[in-house]
Amino acid sequence: MTTLPQAAPARVDLTALADLVTPWAIRVAATLRLADRIAAGHTRLPGLARAAGADADALRRLLRVLTGRGVFAEPAPDTYALTPAAELLRDSGPFGLRAWFDLDGMGGRMDQAFGGLLHTVRTGEPAYPVMHGRSLWQDTLDDPGLARSYADLMAAHTTFAAPEVIAAHPWPETGHVIDVGGGSASLLARLLTARPGLRGTLLDLPEAAEQGRRSLASAGLADRASVHPGSFFDPLPAGADLYLLTWVLHDWSDDEAVRILSRCAEAARAGAGRILIVENLVTEGRRADVAAAMDLRLLVLFGGRERTPGQLDEVIAQAGLRVTGRRVTGTGIHLVSCAPAE
């Protein structure tokens, strides 16, 4: 009897997927600013180690891993050069990747929270407080340096996406916009620059609000922009024309997202205002692996989630709002317009 050939199972290199050496080696290289130091001329091991404040032998062994992976090059023994991958680890590199990998900043601190992933999967609770002794939000309240680091990371992300968000929505030419949880005001500054007739208010916790004040002033917008230090869980300034929530809701559980939106609804009712939600929603048009990874990251860090359009609609309805419009940018950023249901 002839055995029919069977399709070979898909091959997955589990060892490569599970490797922790390379990801952490990259983060250490970013933290030590090796790419910038090599670019500045510290190409030989002794000088590079001194500039980085590292042990020379340990640094050689770290770079042996990273040159083997093609992150750095070693054109001569103990002499190092940049590759296109290493260029991404410079302070001037695109997307601000070095800061995201920096173990001395909030980017690396967030990555360290994944050491508690087992706790999250067993309990459904975020791992960040387990690994660091306090929530991420408490970290930013207690440590101004971490607060600035987090605000800078969010500003870099928002700055990259801001032109697309601004182009995708029919913003009013005049009126008052409140950027709820707007961080360092990177999006608000771009919006007010694009719409000279608009006035804006940044609402965020005191450390972020002060940084936002400086950013707005440096952009020459102090005459049209104000800052309101406070929490979006408390009553918001009432009567604005638009309440903007940009990548805010996905940091929070459904119950907390309803509380935030309910505050926006209360404030909007006082002046026939509207709410605009900007999020990366999970849809068929977005890469499933990217959405799944971000969803797990939000759970580990905050207990938040990446929502589907239906899940967001449920949260919106529970907050006493109705959807009045939807737009999706070319990279899959969703802009959902809402108004009070009554």
C-alpha atoms as a PDB file:
ATOM      1  CA  MET A   1       0.000   0.000   0.000  1.00  0.00           C
ATOM      2  CA  THR A   2       1.363   3.349  -1.057  1.00  0.00           C
ATOM      3  CA  THR A   3       1.659   6.102   1.539  1.00  0.00           C
ATOM      4  CA  LEU A   4       0.505   9.409   0.180  1.00  0.00           C
ATOM      5  CA  PRO A   5       2.941  12.296   0.651  1.00  0.00           C
ATOM      6  CA  GLN A   6       1.870  14.809   3.247  1.00  0.00           C
ATOM      7  CA  ALA A   7       2.577  18.501   3.359  1.00  0.00           C
ATOM      8  CA  ALA A   8       5.458  19.353   5.640  1.00  0.00           C
ATOM      9  CA  PRO A   9       4.395  21.330   8.744  1.00  0.00           C
ATOM     10  CA  ALA A  10       5.243  24.998   8.773  1.00  0.00           C
ATOM     11  CA  ARG A  11       8.676  25.447  10.315  1.00  0.00           C
ATOM     12  CA  VAL A  12       9.023  27.830  13.207  1.00  0.00           C
ATOM     13  CA  ASP A  13      12.449  28.576  14.621  1.00  0.00           C
ATOM     14  CA  LEU A  14      11.341  28.524  18.233  1.00  0.00           C
ATOM     15  CA  THR A  15      14.882  28.984  19.513  1.00  0.00           C
ATOM     16  CA  ALA A  16      15.248  32.221  17.565  1.00  0.00           C
ATOM     17  CA  LEU A  17      11.816  33.439  18.672  1.00  0.00           C
ATOM     18  CA  ALA A  18      12.631  32.724  22.319  1.00  0.00           C
ATOM     19  CA  ASP A  19      16.117  34.260  22.272  1.00  0.00           C
ATOM     20  CA  LEU A  20      16.477  36.942  24.944  1.00  0.00           C
ATOM     21  CA  VAL A  21      20.181  37.641  24.461  1.00  0.00           C
ATOM     22  CA  THR A  22      19.894  39.755  21.331  1.00  0.00           C
ATOM     23  CA  PRO A  23      16.948  41.966  22.416  1.00  0.00           C
ATOM     24  CA  TRP A  24      18.615  42.813  25.706  1.00  0.00           C
ATOM     25  CA  ALA A  25      22.005  43.318  24.085  1.00  0.00           C
ATOM     26  CA  ILE A  26      20.418  45.853  21.738  1.00  0.00           C
ATOM     27  CA  ARG A  27      18.861  47.668  24.688  1.00  0.00           C
ATOM     28  CA  VAL A  28      22.180  47.819  26.533  1.00  0.00           C
ATOM     29  CA  ALA A  29      23.875  49.167  23.390  1.00  0.00           C
ATOM     30  CA  ALA A  30      21.158  51.812  23.110  1.00  0.00           C
ATOM     31  CA  THR A  31      21.456  52.740  26.786  1.00  0.00           C
ATOM     32  CA  LEU A  32      25.243  53.110  26.502  1.00  0.00           C
ATOM     33  CA  ARG A  33      24.761  55.135  23.291  1.00  0.00           C
ATOM     34  CA  LEU A  34      27.314  52.963  21.485  1.00  0.00           C
ATOM     35  CA  ALA A  35      26.164  54.040  18.014  1.00  0.00           C
ATOM     36  CA  ASP A  36      26.645  57.730  18.764  1.00  0.00           C
ATOM     37  CA  ARG A  37      30.003  57.104  20.418  1.00  0.00           C
ATOM     38  CA  ILE A  38      31.278  55.098  17.440  1.00  0.00           C
ATOM     39  CA  ALA A  39      30.011  57.833  15.100  1.00  0.00           C
ATOM     40  CA  ALA A  40      31.962  60.353  17.215  1.00  0.00           C
ATOM     41  CA  GLY A  41      35.206  58.465  16.574  1.00  0.00           C
ATOM     42  CA  HIS A  42      35.402  56.030  19.495  1.00  0.00           C
ATOM     43  CA  THR A  43      35.828  53.048  17.193  1.00  0.00           C
ATOM     44  CA  ARG A  44      38.533  51.132  19.098  1.00  0.00           C
ATOM     45  CA  LEU A  45      37.463  49.014  22.057  1.00  0.00           C
ATOM     46  CA  PRO A  46      39.487  50.732  24.826  1.00  0.00           C
ATOM     47  CA  GLY A  47      38.267  54.212  23.904  1.00  0.00           C
ATOM     48  CA  LEU A  48      34.718  53.043  23.292  1.00  0.00           C
ATOM     49  CA  ALA A  49      34.607  51.349  26.696  1.00  0.00           C
ATOM     50  CA  ARG A  50      35.914  54.473  28.428  1.00  0.00           C
ATOM     51  CA  ALA A  51      33.432  56.719  26.614  1.00  0.00           C
ATOM     52  CA  ALA A  52      30.539  54.404  27.463  1.00  0.00           C
ATOM     53  CA  GLY A  53      31.594  53.834  31.073  1.00  0.00           C
ATOM     54  CA  ALA A  54      31.749  50.080  30.457  1.00  0.00           C
ATOM     55  CA  ASP A  55      34.066  47.210  31.270  1.00  0.00           C
ATOM     56  CA  ALA A  56      36.158  46.592  28.143  1.00  0.00           C
ATOM     57  CA  ASP A  57      36.007  42.792  28.215  1.00  0.00           C
ATOM     58  CA  ALA A  58      32.266  42.715  28.889  1.00  0.00           C
ATOM     59  CA  LEU A  59      31.685  45.269  26.130  1.00  0.00           C
ATOM     60  CA  ARG A  60      33.714  43.162  23.673  1.00  0.00           C
ATOM     61  CA  ARG A  61      31.520  40.173  24.477  1.00  0.00           C
ATOM     62  CA  LEU A  62      28.339  42.221  24.058  1.00  0.00           C
ATOM     63  CA  LEU A  63      29.540  43.509  20.689  1.00  0.00           C
ATOM     64  CA  ARG A  64      30.498  39.987  19.606  1.00  0.00           C
ATOM     65  CA  VAL A  65      26.811  39.111  19.833  1.00  0.00           C
ATOM     66  CA  LEU A  66      25.660  42.256  18.038  1.00  0.00           C
ATOM     67  CA  THR A  67      28.228  42.071  15.247  1.00  0.00           C
ATOM     68  CA  GLY A  68      27.217  38.470  14.717  1.00  0.00           C
ATOM     69  CA  ARG A  69      23.642  39.672  14.319  1.00  0.00           C
ATOM     70  CA  GLY A  70      24.654  42.434  11.911  1.00  0.00           C
ATOM     71  CA  VAL A  71      23.752  45.296  14.240  1.00  0.00           C
ATOM     72  CA  PHE A  72      27.355  46.568  14.345  1.00  0.00           C
ATOM     73  CA  ALA A  73      30.350  45.735  12.167  1.00  0.00           C
ATOM     74  CA  GLU A  74      33.909  44.789  13.213  1.00  0.00           C
ATOM     75  CA  PRO A  75      36.142  45.626  10.230  1.00  0.00           C
ATOM     76  CA  ALA A  76      39.291  44.874  12.279  1.00  0.00           C
ATOM     77  CA  PRO A  77      39.788  43.157  15.640  1.00  0.00           C
ATOM     78  CA  ASP A  78      38.350  45.295  18.450  1.00  0.00           C
ATOM     79  CA  THR A  79      37.475  48.039  15.969  1.00  0.00           C
ATOM     80  CA  TYR A  80      33.815  48.772  15.381  1.00  0.00           C
ATOM     81  CA  ALA A  81      31.714  50.512  12.760  1.00  0.00           C
ATOM     82  CA  LEU A  82      28.072  51.296  12.187  1.00  0.00           C
ATOM     83  CA  THR A  83      25.724  49.352   9.964  1.00  0.00           C
ATOM     84  CA  PRO A  84      22.344  50.633   8.722  1.00  0.00           C
ATOM     85  CA  ALA A  85      20.796  48.875  11.724  1.00  0.00           C
ATOM     86  CA  ALA A  86      23.151  50.643  14.135  1.00  0.00           C
ATOM     87  CA  GLU A  87      22.267  54.002  12.594  1.00  0.00           C
ATOM     88  CA  LEU A  88      18.761  53.460  13.986  1.00  0.00           C
ATOM     89  CA  LEU A  89      20.260  53.405  17.496  1.00  0.00           C
ATOM     90  CA  ARG A  90      21.638  56.941  17.253  1.00  0.00           C
ATOM     91  CA  ASP A  91      19.908  59.778  19.071  1.00  0.00           C
ATOM     92  CA  SER A  92      19.181  61.313  15.679  1.00  0.00           C
ATOM     93  CA  GLY A  93      17.823  58.055  14.271  1.00  0.00           C
ATOM     94  CA  PRO A  94      14.286  57.879  12.898  1.00  0.00           C
ATOM     95  CA  PHE A  95      11.298  57.096  15.109  1.00  0.00           C
ATOM     96  CA  GLY A  96      13.261  57.759  18.308  1.00  0.00           C
ATOM     97  CA  LEU A  97      14.120  54.073  18.665  1.00  0.00           C
ATOM     98  CA  ARG A  98      17.141  54.657  20.899  1.00  0.00           C
ATOM     99  CA  ALA A  99      14.970  56.262  23.566  1.00  0.00           C
ATOM    100  CA  TRP A 100      12.441  53.422  23.364  1.00  0.00           C
ATOM    101  CA  PHE A 101      15.263  50.925  24.057  1.00  0.00           C
ATOM    102  CA  ASP A 102      17.005  52.998  26.770  1.00  0.00           C
ATOM    103  CA  LEU A 103      16.988  50.986  30.006  1.00  0.00           C
ATOM    104  CA  ASP A 104      17.597  54.159  32.024  1.00  0.00           C
ATOM    105  CA  GLY A 105      14.388  55.718  30.677  1.00  0.00           C
ATOM    106  CA  MET A 106      10.733  54.831  30.560  1.00  0.00           C
ATOM    107  CA  GLY A 107      11.081  52.848  27.328  1.00  0.00           C
ATOM    108  CA  GLY A 108      13.352  50.262  28.897  1.00  0.00           C
ATOM    109  CA  ARG A 109      11.426  50.349  32.161  1.00  0.00           C
ATOM    110  CA  MET A 110       8.273  49.383  30.273  1.00  0.00           C
ATOM    111  CA  ASP A 111      10.125  46.519  28.588  1.00  0.00           C
ATOM    112  CA  GLN A 112      11.302  45.241  31.975  1.00  0.00           C
ATOM    113  CA  ALA A 113       7.666  44.850  33.000  1.00  0.00           C
ATOM    114  CA  PHE A 114       7.451  41.834  30.693  1.00  0.00           C
ATOM    115  CA  GLY A 115       9.392  39.923  33.320  1.00  0.00           C
ATOM    116  CA  GLY A 116       5.998  39.713  35.045  1.00  0.00           C
ATOM    117  CA  LEU A 117       4.074  38.415  32.026  1.00  0.00           C
ATOM    118  CA  LEU A 118       3.307  35.157  33.810  1.00  0.00           C
ATOM    119  CA  HIS A 119       1.598  37.114  36.587  1.00  0.00           C
ATOM    120  CA  THR A 120      -0.496  38.971  34.022  1.00  0.00           C
ATOM    121  CA  VAL A 121      -1.591  35.799  32.241  1.00  0.00           C
ATOM    122  CA  ARG A 122      -2.445  34.090  35.521  1.00  0.00           C
ATOM    123  CA  THR A 123      -4.363  37.012  37.011  1.00  0.00           C
ATOM    124  CA  GLY A 124      -5.377  39.321  34.166  1.00  0.00           C
ATOM    125  CA  GLU A 125      -3.680  42.174  36.032  1.00  0.00           C
ATOM    126  CA  PRO A 126      -0.892  44.436  34.725  1.00  0.00           C
ATOM    127  CA  ALA A 127       2.656  43.313  35.504  1.00  0.00           C
ATOM    128  CA  TYR A 128       4.240  46.761  35.674  1.00  0.00           C
ATOM    129  CA  PRO A 129       3.316  47.360  39.363  1.00  0.00           C
ATOM    130  CA  VAL A 130       4.516  43.865  40.268  1.00  0.00           C
ATOM    131  CA  MET A 131       7.921  44.407  38.673  1.00  0.00           C
ATOM    132  CA  HIS A 132       8.436  48.034  39.745  1.00  0.00           C
ATOM    133  CA  GLY A 133       6.459  48.341  42.974  1.00  0.00           C
ATOM    134  CA  ARG A 134       4.029  50.960  41.671  1.00  0.00           C
ATOM    135  CA  SER A 135       1.936  51.610  38.597  1.00  0.00           C
ATOM    136  CA  LEU A 136       3.362  53.329  35.537  1.00  0.00           C
ATOM    137  CA  TRP A 137       1.196  56.373  36.248  1.00  0.00           C
ATOM    138  CA  GLN A 138       2.450  56.527  39.846  1.00  0.00           C
ATOM    139  CA  ASP A 139       5.998  56.273  38.510  1.00  0.00           C
ATOM    140  CA  THR A 140       5.441  59.403  36.421  1.00  0.00           C
ATOM    141  CA  LEU A 141       3.944  61.217  39.416  1.00  0.00           C
ATOM    142  CA  ASP A 142       6.755  60.266  41.794  1.00  0.00           C
ATOM    143  CA  ASP A 143       9.731  60.616  39.456  1.00  0.00           C
ATOM    144  CA  PRO A 144       9.958  63.769  37.287  1.00  0.00           C
ATOM    145  CA  GLY A 145      12.709  62.182  35.199  1.00  0.00           C
ATOM    146  CA  LEU A 146      10.512  59.227  34.292  1.00  0.00           C
ATOM    147  CA  ALA A 147       7.620  61.605  33.656  1.00  0.00           C
ATOM    148  CA  ARG A 148       9.712  63.559  31.157  1.00  0.00           C
ATOM    149  CA  SER A 149      10.972  60.368  29.551  1.00  0.00           C
ATOM    150  CA  TYR A 150       7.451  59.026  29.109  1.00  0.00           C
ATOM    151  CA  ALA A 151       6.171  62.343  27.759  1.00  0.00           C
ATOM    152  CA  ASP A 152       9.054  62.503  25.280  1.00  0.00           C
ATOM    153  CA  LEU A 153       8.323  58.977  24.034  1.00  0.00           C
ATOM    154  CA  MET A 154       4.653  59.777  23.534  1.00  0.00           C
ATOM    155  CA  ALA A 155       5.518  63.076  21.855  1.00  0.00           C
ATOM    156  CA  ALA A 156       7.847  61.330  19.413  1.00  0.00           C
ATOM    157  CA  HIS A 157       5.124  58.859  18.486  1.00  0.00           C
ATOM    158  CA  THR A 158       2.473  61.568  18.161  1.00  0.00           C
ATOM    159  CA  THR A 159       4.758  63.844  16.146  1.00  0.00           C
ATOM    160  CA  PHE A 160       5.326  61.044  13.647  1.00  0.00           C
ATOM    161  CA  ALA A 161       1.574  60.418  13.267  1.00  0.00           C
ATOM    162  CA  ALA A 162       0.303  63.990  13.687  1.00  0.00           C
ATOM    163  CA  PRO A 163       0.398  65.085  10.027  1.00  0.00           C
ATOM    164  CA  GLU A 164      -1.707  62.083   9.068  1.00  0.00           C
ATOM    165  CA  VAL A 165      -4.211  62.676  11.871  1.00  0.00           C
ATOM    166  CA  ILE A 166      -4.536  66.377  11.065  1.00  0.00           C
ATOM    167  CA  ALA A 167      -5.013  65.683   7.350  1.00  0.00           C
ATOM    168  CA  ALA A 168      -7.691  63.043   7.978  1.00  0.00           C
ATOM    169  CA  HIS A 169     -10.218  65.130   9.939  1.00  0.00           C
ATOM    170  CA  PRO A 170     -12.279  68.205   8.946  1.00  0.00           C
ATOM    171  CA  TRP A 171     -11.083  70.341  11.839  1.00  0.00           C
ATOM    172  CA  PRO A 172     -13.041  73.548  12.435  1.00  0.00           C
ATOM    173  CA  GLU A 173     -11.400  76.798  11.414  1.00  0.00           C
ATOM    174  CA  THR A 174     -12.449  78.506  14.642  1.00  0.00           C
ATOM    175  CA  GLY A 175     -13.523  77.477  18.125  1.00  0.00           C
ATOM    176  CA  HIS A 176     -11.986  75.858  21.182  1.00  0.00           C
ATOM    177  CA  VAL A 177     -10.345  72.417  21.313  1.00  0.00           C
ATOM    178  CA  ILE A 178      -9.406  70.711  24.580  1.00  0.00           C
ATOM    179  CA  ASP A 179      -6.696  68.078  24.169  1.00  0.00           C
ATOM    180  CA  VAL A 180      -7.606  65.639  26.953  1.00  0.00           C
ATOM    181  CA  GLY A 181      -4.539  63.778  28.203  1.00  0.00           C
ATOM    182  CA  GLY A 182      -2.488  65.515  25.520  1.00  0.00           C
ATOM    183  CA  GLY A 183       0.917  64.996  27.149  1.00  0.00           C
ATOM    184  CA  SER A 184       3.535  67.430  25.938  1.00  0.00           C
ATOM    185  CA  ALA A 185       1.100  69.039  23.448  1.00  0.00           C
ATOM    186  CA  SER A 186       2.860  67.798  20.307  1.00  0.00           C
ATOM    187  CA  LEU A 187      -0.419  67.169  18.477  1.00  0.00           C
ATOM    188  CA  LEU A 188      -2.149  70.282  19.808  1.00  0.00           C
ATOM    189  CA  ALA A 189       0.758  72.473  18.704  1.00  0.00           C
ATOM    190  CA  ARG A 190       0.604  71.077  15.178  1.00  0.00           C
ATOM    191  CA  LEU A 191      -3.167  71.450  15.073  1.00  0.00           C
ATOM    192  CA  LEU A 192      -3.121  75.096  16.196  1.00  0.00           C
ATOM    193  CA  THR A 193      -0.380  75.825  13.681  1.00  0.00           C
ATOM    194  CA  ALA A 194      -2.479  74.281  10.901  1.00  0.00           C
ATOM    195  CA  ARG A 195      -5.651  76.126  12.026  1.00  0.00           C
ATOM    196  CA  PRO A 196      -4.690  79.700  13.008  1.00  0.00           C
ATOM    197  CA  GLY A 197      -8.285  80.497  14.020  1.00  0.00           C
ATOM    198  CA  LEU A 198      -8.506  77.773  16.658  1.00  0.00           C
ATOM    199  CA  ARG A 199      -7.875  78.106  20.382  1.00  0.00           C
ATOM    200  CA  GLY A 200      -6.617  75.159  22.381  1.00  0.00           C
ATOM    201  CA  THR A 201      -6.294  73.894  25.941  1.00  0.00           C
ATOM    202  CA  LEU A 202      -4.004  71.096  27.038  1.00  0.00           C
ATOM    203  CA  LEU A 203      -5.345  69.036  29.934  1.00  0.00           C
ATOM    204  CA  ASP A 204      -2.987  66.620  31.662  1.00  0.00           C
ATOM    205  CA  LEU A 205      -1.362  65.902  35.008  1.00  0.00           C
ATOM    206  CA  PRO A 206       0.858  68.688  36.375  1.00  0.00           C
ATOM    207  CA  GLU A 207       4.278  67.432  35.189  1.00  0.00           C
ATOM    208  CA  ALA A 208       3.058  66.774  31.649  1.00  0.00           C
ATOM    209  CA  ALA A 209       1.029  69.984  31.641  1.00  0.00           C
ATOM    210  CA  GLU A 210       4.074  72.072  32.509  1.00  0.00           C
ATOM    211  CA  GLN A 211       6.093  70.421  29.768  1.00  0.00           C
ATOM    212  CA  GLY A 212       3.188  71.090  27.399  1.00  0.00           C
ATOM    213  CA  ARG A 213       3.134  74.745  28.426  1.00  0.00           C
ATOM    214  CA  ARG A 214       6.795  75.091  27.483  1.00  0.00           C
ATOM    215  CA  SER A 215       6.238  73.325  24.161  1.00  0.00           C
ATOM    216  CA  LEU A 216       3.309  75.572  23.244  1.00  0.00           C
ATOM    217  CA  ALA A 217       5.239  78.682  24.206  1.00  0.00           C
ATOM    218  CA  SER A 218       8.285  77.642  22.191  1.00  0.00           C
ATOM    219  CA  ALA A 219       5.996  77.098  19.190  1.00  0.00           C
ATOM    220  CA  GLY A 220       4.767  80.685  19.519  1.00  0.00           C
ATOM    221  CA  LEU A 221       1.253  79.594  20.497  1.00  0.00           C
ATOM    222  CA  ALA A 222       0.982  80.985  24.033  1.00  0.00           C
ATOM    223  CA  ASP A 223      -1.587  83.578  22.923  1.00  0.00           C
ATOM    224  CA  ARG A 224      -3.984  80.897  21.619  1.00  0.00           C
ATOM    225  CA  ALA A 225      -3.213  78.003  23.934  1.00  0.00           C
ATOM    226  CA  SER A 226      -3.754  77.475  27.643  1.00  0.00           C
ATOM    227  CA  VAL A 227      -2.883  74.652  30.004  1.00  0.00           C
ATOM    228  CA  HIS A 228      -5.204  73.048  32.551  1.00  0.00           C
ATOM    229  CA  PRO A 229      -3.372  70.750  35.013  1.00  0.00           C
ATOM    230  CA  GLY A 230      -5.707  68.005  36.124  1.00  0.00           C
ATOM    231  CA  SER A 231      -7.006  64.464  35.697  1.00  0.00           C
ATOM    232  CA  PHE A 232      -9.468  63.346  33.041  1.00  0.00           C
ATOM    233  CA  PHE A 233     -11.243  61.354  35.744  1.00  0.00           C
ATOM    234  CA  ASP A 234     -12.311  64.667  37.301  1.00  0.00           C
ATOM    235  CA  PRO A 235     -14.796  67.165  35.808  1.00  0.00           C
ATOM    236  CA  LEU A 236     -13.366  68.743  32.651  1.00  0.00           C
ATOM    237  CA  PRO A 237     -13.588  72.402  31.606  1.00  0.00           C
ATOM    238  CA  ALA A 238     -17.062  72.708  30.109  1.00  0.00           C
ATOM    239  CA  GLY A 239     -18.275  74.321  26.941  1.00  0.00           C
ATOM    240  CA  ALA A 240     -15.458  73.618  24.459  1.00  0.00           C
ATOM    241  CA  ASP A 241     -16.319  72.874  20.845  1.00  0.00           C
ATOM    242  CA  LEU A 242     -14.212  69.708  20.648  1.00  0.00           C
ATOM    243  CA  TYR A 243     -12.711  67.298  23.195  1.00  0.00           C
ATOM    244  CA  LEU A 244      -9.804  65.369  21.685  1.00  0.00           C
ATOM    245  CA  LEU A 245      -8.646  61.988  23.017  1.00  0.00           C
ATOM    246  CA  THR A 246      -5.552  60.764  21.184  1.00  0.00           C
ATOM    247  CA  TRP A 247      -4.334  57.272  22.133  1.00  0.00           C
ATOM    248  CA  VAL A 248      -5.776  57.715  25.596  1.00  0.00           C
ATOM    249  CA  LEU A 249      -8.519  55.104  25.897  1.00  0.00           C
ATOM    250  CA  HIS A 250      -6.377  52.097  24.971  1.00  0.00           C
ATOM    251  CA  ASP A 251      -4.297  52.667  28.119  1.00  0.00           C
ATOM    252  CA  TRP A 252      -7.320  51.898  30.293  1.00  0.00           C
ATOM    253  CA  SER A 253      -9.774  49.119  31.053  1.00  0.00           C
ATOM    254  CA  ASP A 254     -13.312  49.353  29.710  1.00  0.00           C
ATOM    255  CA  ASP A 255     -14.676  50.660  33.021  1.00  0.00           C
ATOM    256  CA  GLU A 256     -12.041  53.390  33.198  1.00  0.00           C
ATOM    257  CA  ALA A 257     -12.491  54.269  29.520  1.00  0.00           C
ATOM    258  CA  VAL A 258     -16.209  54.749  30.184  1.00  0.00           C
ATOM    259  CA  ARG A 259     -15.351  57.086  33.083  1.00  0.00           C
ATOM    260  CA  ILE A 260     -13.059  59.174  30.863  1.00  0.00           C
ATOM    261  CA  LEU A 261     -15.616  59.407  28.068  1.00  0.00           C
ATOM    262  CA  SER A 262     -18.375  60.213  30.545  1.00  0.00           C
ATOM    263  CA  ARG A 263     -16.385  63.231  31.741  1.00  0.00           C
ATOM    264  CA  CYS A 264     -16.014  64.343  28.123  1.00  0.00           C
ATOM    265  CA  ALA A 265     -19.757  63.868  27.560  1.00  0.00           C
ATOM    266  CA  GLU A 266     -20.607  65.962  30.647  1.00  0.00           C
ATOM    267  CA  ALA A 267     -18.363  68.783  29.538  1.00  0.00           C
ATOM    268  CA  ALA A 268     -19.512  68.655  25.911  1.00  0.00           C
ATOM    269  CA  ARG A 269     -23.205  68.917  26.822  1.00  0.00           C
ATOM    270  CA  ALA A 270     -22.638  72.355  28.290  1.00  0.00           C
ATOM    271  CA  GLY A 271     -21.862  73.838  24.891  1.00  0.00           C
ATOM    272  CA  ALA A 272     -23.041  71.426  22.200  1.00  0.00           C
ATOM    273  CA  GLY A 273     -19.481  70.147  21.915  1.00  0.00           C
ATOM    274  CA  ARG A 274     -18.189  67.027  20.206  1.00  0.00           C
ATOM    275  CA  ILE A 275     -15.649  64.347  21.082  1.00  0.00           C
ATOM    276  CA  LEU A 276     -12.990  62.981  18.705  1.00  0.00           C
ATOM    277  CA  ILE A 277     -11.296  59.689  19.579  1.00  0.00           C
ATOM    278  CA  VAL A 278      -8.005  58.779  17.872  1.00  0.00           C
ATOM    279  CA  GLU A 279      -6.977  55.129  18.296  1.00  0.00           C
ATOM    280  CA  ASN A 280      -5.380  52.186  16.475  1.00  0.00           C
ATOM    281  CA  LEU A 281      -8.331  49.810  16.378  1.00  0.00           C
ATOM    282  CA  VAL A 282      -8.072  46.103  15.619  1.00  0.00           C
ATOM    283  CA  THR A 283      -9.561  45.428  12.175  1.00  0.00           C
ATOM    284  CA  GLU A 284      -8.982  43.018   9.309  1.00  0.00           C
ATOM    285  CA  GLY A 285      -7.039  45.725   7.494  1.00  0.00           C
ATOM    286  CA  ARG A 286      -4.395  45.932  10.206  1.00  0.00           C
ATOM    287  CA  ARG A 287      -1.635  43.361  10.625  1.00  0.00           C
ATOM    288  CA  ALA A 288      -2.881  40.850  13.166  1.00  0.00           C
ATOM    289  CA  ASP A 289       0.554  40.212  14.684  1.00  0.00           C
ATOM    290  CA  VAL A 290       1.157  43.932  15.304  1.00  0.00           C
ATOM    291  CA  ALA A 291      -2.274  44.354  16.879  1.00  0.00           C
ATOM    292  CA  ALA A 292      -1.841  41.253  19.049  1.00  0.00           C
ATOM    293  CA  ALA A 293       1.578  42.365  20.310  1.00  0.00           C
ATOM    294  CA  MET A 294       0.350  45.862  21.155  1.00  0.00           C
ATOM    295  CA  ASP A 295      -2.736  44.478  22.875  1.00  0.00           C
ATOM    296  CA  LEU A 296      -0.585  42.284  25.120  1.00  0.00           C
ATOM    297  CA  ARG A 297       1.785  45.193  25.796  1.00  0.00           C
ATOM    298  CA  LEU A 298      -1.088  47.405  26.914  1.00  0.00           C
ATOM    299  CA  LEU A 299      -2.354  44.661  29.225  1.00  0.00           C
ATOM    300  CA  VAL A 300       1.065  44.144  30.811  1.00  0.00           C
ATOM    301  CA  LEU A 301       1.703  47.870  31.301  1.00  0.00           C
ATOM    302  CA  PHE A 302      -1.674  49.339  32.181  1.00  0.00           C
ATOM    303  CA  GLY A 303      -4.410  46.716  32.098  1.00  0.00           C
ATOM    304  CA  GLY A 304      -5.519  48.402  28.858  1.00  0.00           C
ATOM    305  CA  ARG A 305      -6.383  46.932  25.480  1.00  0.00           C
ATOM    306  CA  GLU A 306      -6.486  47.504  21.722  1.00  0.00           C
ATOM    307  CA  ARG A 307     -10.196  47.450  20.914  1.00  0.00           C
ATOM    308  CA  THR A 308     -12.121  46.418  17.866  1.00  0.00           C
ATOM    309  CA  PRO A 309     -14.529  49.006  16.423  1.00  0.00           C
ATOM    310  CA  GLY A 310     -17.391  47.113  18.066  1.00  0.00           C
ATOM    311  CA  GLN A 311     -15.703  47.117  21.469  1.00  0.00           C
ATOM    312  CA  LEU A 312     -15.041  50.849  21.207  1.00  0.00           C
ATOM    313  CA  ASP A 313     -18.662  51.453  20.200  1.00  0.00           C
ATOM    314  CA  GLU A 314     -19.821  49.646  23.347  1.00  0.00           C
ATOM    315  CA  VAL A 315     -17.631  51.863  25.542  1.00  0.00           C
ATOM    316  CA  ILE A 316     -18.888  54.959  23.716  1.00  0.00           C
ATOM    317  CA  ALA A 317     -22.536  53.975  24.227  1.00  0.00           C
ATOM    318  CA  GLN A 318     -22.013  53.214  27.924  1.00  0.00           C
ATOM    319  CA  ALA A 319     -20.636  56.742  28.352  1.00  0.00           C
ATOM    320  CA  GLY A 320     -23.831  58.279  26.976  1.00  0.00           C
ATOM    321  CA  LEU A 321     -22.397  59.113  23.564  1.00  0.00           C
ATOM    322  CA  ARG A 322     -23.273  58.216  19.986  1.00  0.00           C
ATOM    323  CA  VAL A 323     -20.954  57.829  17.012  1.00  0.00           C
ATOM    324  CA  THR A 324     -21.414  60.551  14.393  1.00  0.00           C
ATOM    325  CA  GLY A 325     -18.553  59.793  12.004  1.00  0.00           C
ATOM    326  CA  ARG A 326     -15.602  57.544  11.250  1.00  0.00           C
ATOM    327  CA  ARG A 327     -12.410  58.036   9.286  1.00  0.00           C
ATOM    328  CA  VAL A 328      -9.382  55.773   8.811  1.00  0.00           C
ATOM    329  CA  THR A 329      -5.965  57.012   7.696  1.00  0.00           C
ATOM    330  CA  GLY A 330      -3.691  55.204   5.287  1.00  0.00           C
ATOM    331  CA  THR A 331      -1.716  53.584   8.107  1.00  0.00           C
ATOM    332  CA  GLY A 332      -4.830  52.429   9.949  1.00  0.00           C
ATOM    333  CA  ILE A 333      -5.321  55.188  12.512  1.00  0.00           C
ATOM    334  CA  HIS A 334      -9.021  55.469  13.333  1.00  0.00           C
ATOM    335  CA  LEU A 335     -10.728  58.793  14.036  1.00  0.00           C
ATOM    336  CA  VAL A 336     -14.162  58.308  15.611  1.00  0.00           C
ATOM    337  CA  SER A 337     -16.380  61.360  16.105  1.00  0.00           C
ATOM    338  CA  CYS A 338     -18.992  61.325  18.884  1.00  0.00           C
ATOM    339  CA  ALA A 339     -21.700  63.514  20.397  1.00  0.00           C
ATOM    340  CA  PRO A 340     -23.839  63.272  23.535  1.00  0.00           C
ATOM    341  CA  ALA A 341     -26.684  60.830  22.985  1.00  0.00           C
ATOM    342  CA  GLU A 342     -29.346  63.161  24.419  1.00  0.00           C
END
